[in-house]
Amino acid sequence: QVQLVESGGRLVQPGGSLRLSCAASGFTFKYQTMNWYRQGPGKEREWVAEITSSGSQTYYAESVKGRFAISRDNVKNTMYLQMNSLKPEDTAVYYCKGPEGSWGQGTQVTVSS
């Protein structure tokens, strides 16, 4: 079955950087458009970024454009989210979303001094 496992979240200071990973299995990763979402404390889950199956096209929410970069490795079946210039408002649980409405368990990112 589809399995998505996020990792890389931790406490980081404002202005810092993190790279999240999403390891995928149970489906043909290289054919699947993938997305990152996040859910901050007391907030609804929101879309962050999308990458097409080949990686040739990427899309971002306005709130992260210019600071975050989504990428993928279709050999390692892994998607990434490079997050730079982090702000306290980026604090959230970050999830990857795969096919058939599948979700990972999430990884916590906390931006605080």
N, C-alpha and C. Protein backbone atom coordinates (compact mmCIF):
# COMPACT_ATOMS: atom_id res chain seq x y z
N GLN A 1 0.83 -1.18 0.00
CA GLN A 1 0.00 0.00 0.00
C GLN A 1 0.88 1.25 0.00
N VAL A 2 0.25 2.38 -0.28
CA VAL A 2 0.99 3.64 -0.32
C VAL A 2 1.53 3.97 1.07
N GLN A 3 2.81 4.33 1.12
CA GLN A 3 3.41 4.76 2.37
C GLN A 3 4.24 6.01 2.11
N LEU A 4 4.04 7.02 2.94
CA LEU A 4 4.79 8.27 2.86
C LEU A 4 5.35 8.57 4.23
N VAL A 5 6.65 8.80 4.30
CA VAL A 5 7.30 9.03 5.58
C VAL A 5 8.11 10.33 5.51
N GLU A 6 7.64 11.33 6.25
CA GLU A 6 8.34 12.61 6.29
C GLU A 6 9.41 12.59 7.38
N SER A 7 10.44 13.38 7.18
CA SER A 7 11.49 13.53 8.18
C SER A 7 12.19 14.87 7.98
N GLY A 8 12.99 15.26 8.98
CA GLY A 8 13.80 16.46 8.86
C GLY A 8 13.32 17.64 9.68
N GLY A 9 12.15 17.55 10.25
CA GLY A 9 11.66 18.65 11.05
C GLY A 9 12.37 18.76 12.39
N ARG A 10 12.51 19.99 12.86
CA ARG A 10 13.13 20.24 14.17
C ARG A 10 12.93 21.69 14.55
N LEU A 11 13.46 22.09 15.69
CA LEU A 11 13.45 23.48 16.13
C LEU A 11 14.57 24.24 15.43
N VAL A 12 14.25 25.38 14.86
CA VAL A 12 15.23 26.20 14.17
C VAL A 12 14.96 27.67 14.48
N GLN A 13 16.01 28.47 14.49
CA GLN A 13 15.85 29.90 14.76
C GLN A 13 15.31 30.64 13.55
N PRO A 14 14.65 31.77 13.76
CA PRO A 14 14.21 32.58 12.62
C PRO A 14 15.39 32.93 11.72
N GLY A 15 15.14 32.86 10.42
CA GLY A 15 16.20 33.10 9.45
C GLY A 15 16.98 31.86 9.08
N GLY A 16 16.75 30.77 9.78
CA GLY A 16 17.47 29.53 9.52
C GLY A 16 16.90 28.75 8.36
N SER A 17 17.50 27.58 8.11
CA SER A 17 17.11 26.73 7.00
C SER A 17 16.90 25.30 7.49
N LEU A 18 16.06 24.59 6.75
CA LEU A 18 15.82 23.17 6.98
C LEU A 18 15.54 22.50 5.65
N ARG A 19 15.82 21.21 5.56
CA ARG A 19 15.40 20.42 4.41
C ARG A 19 14.57 19.25 4.91
N LEU A 20 13.34 19.20 4.45
CA LEU A 20 12.46 18.08 4.77
C LEU A 20 12.53 17.05 3.66
N SER A 21 12.30 15.79 4.05
CA SER A 21 12.26 14.69 3.09
C SER A 21 10.94 13.95 3.22
N CYS A 22 10.50 13.37 2.12
CA CYS A 22 9.32 12.51 2.10
C CYS A 22 9.69 11.26 1.31
N ALA A 23 9.86 10.16 2.01
CA ALA A 23 10.19 8.90 1.36
C ALA A 23 8.91 8.17 0.99
N ALA A 24 8.80 7.77 -0.27
CA ALA A 24 7.57 7.18 -0.78
C ALA A 24 7.76 5.72 -1.18
N SER A 25 6.71 4.94 -0.99
CA SER A 25 6.72 3.55 -1.43
C SER A 25 5.29 3.10 -1.67
N GLY A 26 5.15 1.98 -2.37
CA GLY A 26 3.83 1.41 -2.60
C GLY A 26 3.12 1.92 -3.84
N PHE A 27 3.80 2.77 -4.61
CA PHE A 27 3.24 3.24 -5.88
C PHE A 27 4.40 3.64 -6.77
N THR A 28 4.08 3.92 -8.03
CA THR A 28 5.13 4.29 -8.99
C THR A 28 5.41 5.78 -8.85
N PHE A 29 6.35 6.09 -8.02
CA PHE A 29 6.64 7.47 -7.63
C PHE A 29 6.93 8.37 -8.83
N LYS A 30 7.69 7.88 -9.78
CA LYS A 30 8.15 8.73 -10.88
C LYS A 30 7.01 9.19 -11.77
N TYR A 31 5.84 8.62 -11.65
CA TYR A 31 4.69 9.02 -12.47
C TYR A 31 3.72 9.93 -11.72
N GLN A 32 4.04 10.24 -10.47
CA GLN A 32 3.07 10.89 -9.60
C GLN A 32 3.45 12.34 -9.27
N THR A 33 2.52 13.28 -9.53
CA THR A 33 2.68 14.63 -9.00
C THR A 33 2.57 14.57 -7.49
N MET A 34 3.43 15.33 -6.81
CA MET A 34 3.47 15.29 -5.34
C MET A 34 3.32 16.69 -4.77
N ASN A 35 2.85 16.74 -3.55
CA ASN A 35 2.60 18.02 -2.88
C ASN A 35 3.09 18.01 -1.44
N TRP A 36 3.45 19.20 -0.96
CA TRP A 36 3.67 19.44 0.46
C TRP A 36 2.52 20.30 0.98
N TYR A 37 2.07 19.98 2.18
CA TYR A 37 1.09 20.76 2.90
C TYR A 37 1.64 21.03 4.29
N ARG A 38 1.00 21.94 5.01
CA ARG A 38 1.36 22.17 6.40
C ARG A 38 0.12 22.57 7.20
N GLN A 39 0.22 22.32 8.51
CA GLN A 39 -0.86 22.71 9.41
C GLN A 39 -0.25 23.33 10.65
N GLY A 40 -0.45 24.65 10.78
CA GLY A 40 0.05 25.37 11.94
C GLY A 40 -0.88 25.21 13.13
N PRO A 41 -0.42 25.58 14.32
CA PRO A 41 -1.24 25.44 15.52
C PRO A 41 -2.53 26.26 15.40
N GLY A 42 -3.64 25.60 15.59
CA GLY A 42 -4.93 26.27 15.52
C GLY A 42 -5.38 26.66 14.13
N LYS A 43 -4.68 26.15 13.12
CA LYS A 43 -5.01 26.52 11.74
C LYS A 43 -5.43 25.30 10.94
N GLU A 44 -6.06 25.57 9.80
CA GLU A 44 -6.39 24.47 8.89
C GLU A 44 -5.16 24.08 8.08
N ARG A 45 -5.19 22.86 7.60
CA ARG A 45 -4.10 22.41 6.74
C ARG A 45 -4.10 23.23 5.45
N GLU A 46 -2.92 23.67 5.02
CA GLU A 46 -2.82 24.49 3.82
C GLU A 46 -1.77 23.93 2.86
N TRP A 47 -2.01 24.14 1.60
CA TRP A 47 -1.09 23.70 0.56
C TRP A 47 0.14 24.59 0.55
N VAL A 48 1.32 23.98 0.36
CA VAL A 48 2.58 24.71 0.35
C VAL A 48 3.24 24.71 -1.03
N ALA A 49 3.35 23.52 -1.62
CA ALA A 49 4.07 23.44 -2.90
C ALA A 49 3.71 22.15 -3.63
N GLU A 50 3.89 22.18 -4.95
CA GLU A 50 3.62 21.03 -5.80
C GLU A 50 4.76 20.84 -6.79
N ILE A 51 5.03 19.59 -7.13
CA ILE A 51 6.04 19.28 -8.15
C ILE A 51 5.47 18.21 -9.07
N THR A 52 5.64 18.41 -10.38
CA THR A 52 5.15 17.44 -11.34
C THR A 52 6.01 16.18 -11.33
N SER A 53 5.55 15.16 -12.02
CA SER A 53 6.19 13.85 -11.93
C SER A 53 7.65 13.88 -12.35
N SER A 54 7.96 14.65 -13.38
CA SER A 54 9.35 14.72 -13.86
C SER A 54 10.19 15.71 -13.07
N GLY A 55 9.51 16.56 -12.32
CA GLY A 55 10.21 17.61 -11.60
C GLY A 55 10.41 18.88 -12.42
N SER A 56 9.87 18.89 -13.63
CA SER A 56 10.12 20.03 -14.52
C SER A 56 9.31 21.27 -14.16
N GLN A 57 8.23 21.08 -13.43
CA GLN A 57 7.40 22.22 -13.05
C GLN A 57 7.12 22.17 -11.55
N THR A 58 7.20 23.34 -10.94
CA THR A 58 6.94 23.49 -9.51
C THR A 58 6.02 24.69 -9.29
N TYR A 59 5.27 24.62 -8.22
CA TYR A 59 4.32 25.67 -7.88
C TYR A 59 4.37 25.89 -6.37
N TYR A 60 4.14 27.15 -5.96
CA TYR A 60 4.27 27.49 -4.55
C TYR A 60 3.14 28.40 -4.08
N ALA A 61 2.81 28.25 -2.81
CA ALA A 61 1.92 29.22 -2.17
C ALA A 61 2.66 30.55 -2.07
N GLU A 62 1.89 31.62 -2.14
CA GLU A 62 2.50 32.95 -2.09
C GLU A 62 3.31 33.16 -0.81
N SER A 63 2.87 32.55 0.26
CA SER A 63 3.51 32.77 1.56
C SER A 63 4.92 32.19 1.63
N VAL A 64 5.26 31.26 0.72
CA VAL A 64 6.58 30.62 0.77
C VAL A 64 7.40 30.87 -0.50
N LYS A 65 6.79 31.49 -1.49
CA LYS A 65 7.48 31.70 -2.77
C LYS A 65 8.75 32.51 -2.56
N GLY A 66 9.85 32.04 -3.16
CA GLY A 66 11.12 32.71 -3.03
C GLY A 66 11.94 32.26 -1.83
N ARG A 67 11.31 31.52 -0.92
CA ARG A 67 12.02 31.03 0.28
C ARG A 67 12.13 29.51 0.30
N PHE A 68 11.12 28.83 -0.22
CA PHE A 68 11.08 27.36 -0.22
C PHE A 68 11.33 26.84 -1.63
N ALA A 69 11.90 25.65 -1.70
CA ALA A 69 12.12 25.00 -2.99
C ALA A 69 11.77 23.52 -2.86
N ILE A 70 10.86 23.07 -3.72
CA ILE A 70 10.46 21.66 -3.76
C ILE A 70 11.27 20.96 -4.83
N SER A 71 11.67 19.73 -4.55
CA SER A 71 12.43 18.95 -5.53
C SER A 71 12.15 17.46 -5.28
N ARG A 72 12.67 16.63 -6.18
CA ARG A 72 12.44 15.20 -6.03
C ARG A 72 13.58 14.42 -6.66
N ASP A 73 13.74 13.20 -6.19
CA ASP A 73 14.71 12.27 -6.75
C ASP A 73 13.93 11.00 -7.10
N ASN A 74 13.68 10.80 -8.40
CA ASN A 74 12.85 9.68 -8.84
C ASN A 74 13.60 8.34 -8.81
N VAL A 75 14.88 8.37 -8.51
CA VAL A 75 15.63 7.13 -8.30
C VAL A 75 15.49 6.69 -6.84
N LYS A 76 15.56 7.66 -5.94
CA LYS A 76 15.44 7.38 -4.51
C LYS A 76 13.99 7.38 -4.03
N ASN A 77 13.04 7.68 -4.93
CA ASN A 77 11.63 7.76 -4.54
C ASN A 77 11.41 8.69 -3.36
N THR A 78 12.02 9.86 -3.44
CA THR A 78 11.98 10.81 -2.34
C THR A 78 11.72 12.21 -2.86
N MET A 79 10.90 12.92 -2.11
CA MET A 79 10.61 14.33 -2.40
C MET A 79 11.22 15.17 -1.28
N TYR A 80 11.61 16.40 -1.61
CA TYR A 80 12.26 17.27 -0.64
C TYR A 80 11.57 18.63 -0.58
N LEU A 81 11.77 19.30 0.53
CA LEU A 81 11.36 20.70 0.65
C LEU A 81 12.49 21.45 1.35
N GLN A 82 13.21 22.25 0.58
CA GLN A 82 14.26 23.10 1.14
C GLN A 82 13.60 24.39 1.60
N MET A 83 13.76 24.69 2.88
CA MET A 83 13.13 25.86 3.47
C MET A 83 14.21 26.81 3.96
N ASN A 84 14.23 28.01 3.41
CA ASN A 84 15.21 29.02 3.79
C ASN A 84 14.49 30.24 4.38
N SER A 85 15.26 31.08 5.04
CA SER A 85 14.71 32.32 5.62
C SER A 85 13.44 32.03 6.42
N LEU A 86 13.52 31.05 7.27
CA LEU A 86 12.33 30.61 8.01
C LEU A 86 11.84 31.69 8.97
N LYS A 87 10.51 31.73 9.10
CA LYS A 87 9.84 32.70 9.95
C LYS A 87 9.02 31.96 11.01
N PRO A 88 8.73 32.61 12.12
CA PRO A 88 7.89 31.95 13.14
C PRO A 88 6.57 31.46 12.57
N GLU A 89 6.02 32.16 11.61
CA GLU A 89 4.74 31.74 11.02
C GLU A 89 4.86 30.51 10.14
N ASP A 90 6.07 30.03 9.92
CA ASP A 90 6.26 28.76 9.20
C ASP A 90 6.14 27.57 10.15
N THR A 91 6.01 27.84 11.43
CA THR A 91 5.84 26.76 12.40
C THR A 91 4.59 25.95 12.08
N ALA A 92 4.76 24.65 11.90
CA ALA A 92 3.65 23.79 11.50
C ALA A 92 4.12 22.34 11.45
N VAL A 93 3.16 21.45 11.35
CA VAL A 93 3.46 20.08 10.97
C VAL A 93 3.39 20.03 9.45
N TYR A 94 4.44 19.54 8.83
CA TYR A 94 4.53 19.47 7.38
C TYR A 94 4.23 18.05 6.91
N TYR A 95 3.35 17.96 5.91
CA TYR A 95 2.91 16.67 5.39
C TYR A 95 3.19 16.56 3.90
N CYS A 96 3.49 15.38 3.44
CA CYS A 96 3.49 15.15 2.00
C CYS A 96 2.21 14.41 1.63
N LYS A 97 1.74 14.75 0.45
CA LYS A 97 0.51 14.15 -0.06
C LYS A 97 0.82 13.41 -1.35
N GLY A 98 0.32 12.16 -1.41
CA GLY A 98 0.58 11.33 -2.57
C GLY A 98 -0.70 10.98 -3.30
N PRO A 99 -0.67 9.86 -4.01
CA PRO A 99 -1.84 9.47 -4.80
C PRO A 99 -2.99 8.98 -3.94
N GLU A 100 -4.18 9.04 -4.51
CA GLU A 100 -5.38 8.49 -3.88
C GLU A 100 -5.61 9.10 -2.50
N GLY A 101 -5.26 10.37 -2.34
CA GLY A 101 -5.49 11.04 -1.08
C GLY A 101 -4.63 10.58 0.07
N SER A 102 -3.51 9.96 -0.23
CA SER A 102 -2.64 9.45 0.84
C SER A 102 -1.82 10.56 1.48
N TRP A 103 -1.58 10.42 2.78
CA TRP A 103 -0.82 11.39 3.56
C TRP A 103 0.23 10.66 4.39
N GLY A 104 1.33 11.38 4.64
CA GLY A 104 2.29 10.88 5.61
C GLY A 104 1.84 11.25 7.01
N GLN A 105 2.69 10.91 8.00
CA GLN A 105 2.34 11.18 9.40
C GLN A 105 2.72 12.60 9.81
N GLY A 106 3.53 13.26 8.99
CA GLY A 106 3.93 14.63 9.27
C GLY A 106 5.23 14.74 10.04
N THR A 107 5.88 15.90 9.89
CA THR A 107 7.10 16.19 10.64
C THR A 107 6.99 17.62 11.17
N GLN A 108 7.33 17.80 12.45
CA GLN A 108 7.13 19.09 13.12
C GLN A 108 8.28 20.03 12.83
N VAL A 109 7.94 21.22 12.37
CA VAL A 109 8.91 22.30 12.19
C VAL A 109 8.51 23.43 13.14
N THR A 110 9.45 23.82 13.98
CA THR A 110 9.20 24.92 14.91
C THR A 110 10.26 25.99 14.69
N VAL A 111 9.80 27.20 14.40
CA VAL A 111 10.70 28.32 14.16
C VAL A 111 10.56 29.29 15.33
N SER A 112 11.60 29.35 16.14
CA SER A 112 11.52 30.15 17.35
C SER A 112 12.92 30.44 17.86
N SER A 113 13.08 31.60 18.48
CA SER A 113 14.35 31.95 19.10
C SER A 113 14.35 31.56 20.57
